[in-house]
Amino acid sequence: MLSNSHHHVNPANEAERTFLESLIRKDFERCHPGETLDDVKRRASFSKEDKGILRDWMAVAATQAATDRMTMPPALAA
């Protein structure tokens, strides 16, 4: 996925952020051995690189959540 600093995910609240992070946590840690999503979240406040990594992974989570909503049966989507 291409990174664009002007397009990022802004979860509506902490519950949505936690949900989005749960969608990517396992894949992130598989792709970044020895590192956790929480490590990157902590460093993102002072590292442009980590901020970009976190932004890109959250975009993946948002895309996955949107795809899941589209494929979910209508009765469960509400």
C-alpha atoms as a PDB file:
ATOM      1  CA  MET A   1       0.000   0.000   0.000  1.00  0.00           C
ATOM      2  CA  LEU A   2       1.353   3.398  -0.894  1.00  0.00           C
ATOM      3  CA  SER A   3       1.863   5.782   1.965  1.00  0.00           C
ATOM      4  CA  ASN A   4       0.390   9.253   1.798  1.00  0.00           C
ATOM      5  CA  SER A   5       0.769  11.475   4.830  1.00  0.00           C
ATOM      6  CA  HIS A   6      -2.413  13.334   3.932  1.00  0.00           C
ATOM      7  CA  HIS A   7      -4.602  10.218   4.058  1.00  0.00           C
ATOM      8  CA  HIS A   8      -4.758   8.576   7.423  1.00  0.00           C
ATOM      9  CA  VAL A   9      -7.237   6.829   9.653  1.00  0.00           C
ATOM     10  CA  ASN A  10      -8.816   8.805  12.481  1.00  0.00           C
ATOM     11  CA  PRO A  11     -10.776   6.374  14.648  1.00  0.00           C
ATOM     12  CA  ALA A  12     -13.916   7.934  16.114  1.00  0.00           C
ATOM     13  CA  ASN A  13     -13.059   6.784  19.633  1.00  0.00           C
ATOM     14  CA  GLU A  14     -10.748   4.564  21.654  1.00  0.00           C
ATOM     15  CA  ALA A  15     -12.993   1.524  21.146  1.00  0.00           C
ATOM     16  CA  GLU A  16     -12.719   1.842  17.370  1.00  0.00           C
ATOM     17  CA  ARG A  17      -8.931   2.308  17.619  1.00  0.00           C
ATOM     18  CA  THR A  18      -8.681  -0.826  19.778  1.00  0.00           C
ATOM     19  CA  PHE A  19     -10.814  -2.765  17.286  1.00  0.00           C
ATOM     20  CA  LEU A  20      -8.714  -1.654  14.307  1.00  0.00           C
ATOM     21  CA  GLU A  21      -5.504  -2.523  16.133  1.00  0.00           C
ATOM     22  CA  SER A  22      -6.884  -5.976  16.925  1.00  0.00           C
ATOM     23  CA  LEU A  23      -7.295  -6.600  13.198  1.00  0.00           C
ATOM     24  CA  ILE A  24      -3.616  -5.986  12.452  1.00  0.00           C
ATOM     25  CA  ARG A  25      -1.762  -6.873  15.650  1.00  0.00           C
ATOM     26  CA  LYS A  26      -0.936 -10.497  14.767  1.00  0.00           C
ATOM     27  CA  ASP A  27       0.064  -9.695  11.162  1.00  0.00           C
ATOM     28  CA  PHE A  28       2.180  -6.736  12.286  1.00  0.00           C
ATOM     29  CA  GLU A  29       4.100  -8.841  14.784  1.00  0.00           C
ATOM     30  CA  ARG A  30       4.569 -11.597  12.195  1.00  0.00           C
ATOM     31  CA  CYS A  31       6.000  -9.078   9.713  1.00  0.00           C
ATOM     32  CA  HIS A  32       8.139  -7.319  12.354  1.00  0.00           C
ATOM     33  CA  PRO A  33       9.694 -10.066  14.505  1.00  0.00           C
ATOM     34  CA  GLY A  34      10.835  -8.919  17.922  1.00  0.00           C
ATOM     35  CA  GLU A  35       8.656  -5.817  17.784  1.00  0.00           C
ATOM     36  CA  THR A  36       5.111  -5.156  18.885  1.00  0.00           C
ATOM     37  CA  LEU A  37       2.464  -2.783  17.638  1.00  0.00           C
ATOM     38  CA  ASP A  38       2.659  -1.090  21.036  1.00  0.00           C
ATOM     39  CA  ASP A  39       6.391  -0.447  20.488  1.00  0.00           C
ATOM     40  CA  VAL A  40       5.638   1.382  17.248  1.00  0.00           C
ATOM     41  CA  LYS A  41       2.731   3.285  18.794  1.00  0.00           C
ATOM     42  CA  ARG A  42       5.001   4.522  21.571  1.00  0.00           C
ATOM     43  CA  ARG A  43       7.779   5.590  19.185  1.00  0.00           C
ATOM     44  CA  ALA A  44       5.384   7.217  16.685  1.00  0.00           C
ATOM     45  CA  SER A  45       5.125  10.313  18.890  1.00  0.00           C
ATOM     46  CA  PHE A  46       8.758  11.204  18.105  1.00  0.00           C
ATOM     47  CA  SER A  47       9.697   9.190  15.007  1.00  0.00           C
ATOM     48  CA  LYS A  48       8.507  10.079  11.499  1.00  0.00           C
ATOM     49  CA  GLU A  49       9.332   6.581  10.305  1.00  0.00           C
ATOM     50  CA  ASP A  50       7.298   4.885  13.023  1.00  0.00           C
ATOM     51  CA  LYS A  51       4.455   7.362  12.541  1.00  0.00           C
ATOM     52  CA  GLY A  52       4.374   6.378   8.860  1.00  0.00           C
ATOM     53  CA  ILE A  53       4.512   2.664   9.670  1.00  0.00           C
ATOM     54  CA  LEU A  54       1.650   3.018  12.148  1.00  0.00           C
ATOM     55  CA  ARG A  55      -0.371   5.117   9.682  1.00  0.00           C
ATOM     56  CA  ASP A  56       0.070   2.522   6.939  1.00  0.00           C
ATOM     57  CA  TRP A  57      -0.894  -0.389   9.189  1.00  0.00           C
ATOM     58  CA  MET A  58      -3.969   1.477  10.456  1.00  0.00           C
ATOM     59  CA  ALA A  59      -4.972   2.067   6.829  1.00  0.00           C
ATOM     60  CA  VAL A  60      -4.706  -1.691   6.277  1.00  0.00           C
ATOM     61  CA  ALA A  61      -6.915  -2.237   9.346  1.00  0.00           C
ATOM     62  CA  ALA A  62      -9.520   0.261   8.112  1.00  0.00           C
ATOM     63  CA  THR A  63      -9.587  -1.403   4.695  1.00  0.00           C
ATOM     64  CA  GLN A  64      -9.966  -4.821   6.292  1.00  0.00           C
ATOM     65  CA  ALA A  65     -12.794  -3.568   8.540  1.00  0.00           C
ATOM     66  CA  ALA A  66     -14.602  -2.051   5.546  1.00  0.00           C
ATOM     67  CA  THR A  67     -14.220  -5.279   3.566  1.00  0.00           C
ATOM     68  CA  ASP A  68     -15.498  -7.325   6.497  1.00  0.00           C
ATOM     69  CA  ARG A  69     -18.567  -5.054   6.789  1.00  0.00           C
ATOM     70  CA  MET A  70     -19.306  -5.437   3.070  1.00  0.00           C
ATOM     71  CA  THR A  71     -19.137  -9.237   3.202  1.00  0.00           C
ATOM     72  CA  MET A  72     -21.066  -9.586   6.450  1.00  0.00           C
ATOM     73  CA  PRO A  73     -24.690 -10.746   6.231  1.00  0.00           C
ATOM     74  CA  PRO A  74     -27.090  -7.750   6.502  1.00  0.00           C
ATOM     75  CA  ALA A  75     -28.555  -8.913   9.823  1.00  0.00           C
ATOM     76  CA  LEU A  76     -25.107  -8.873  11.447  1.00  0.00           C
ATOM     77  CA  ALA A  77     -23.847  -5.680   9.801  1.00  0.00           C
ATOM     78  CA  ALA A  78     -26.028  -3.381  11.891  1.00  0.00           C
END
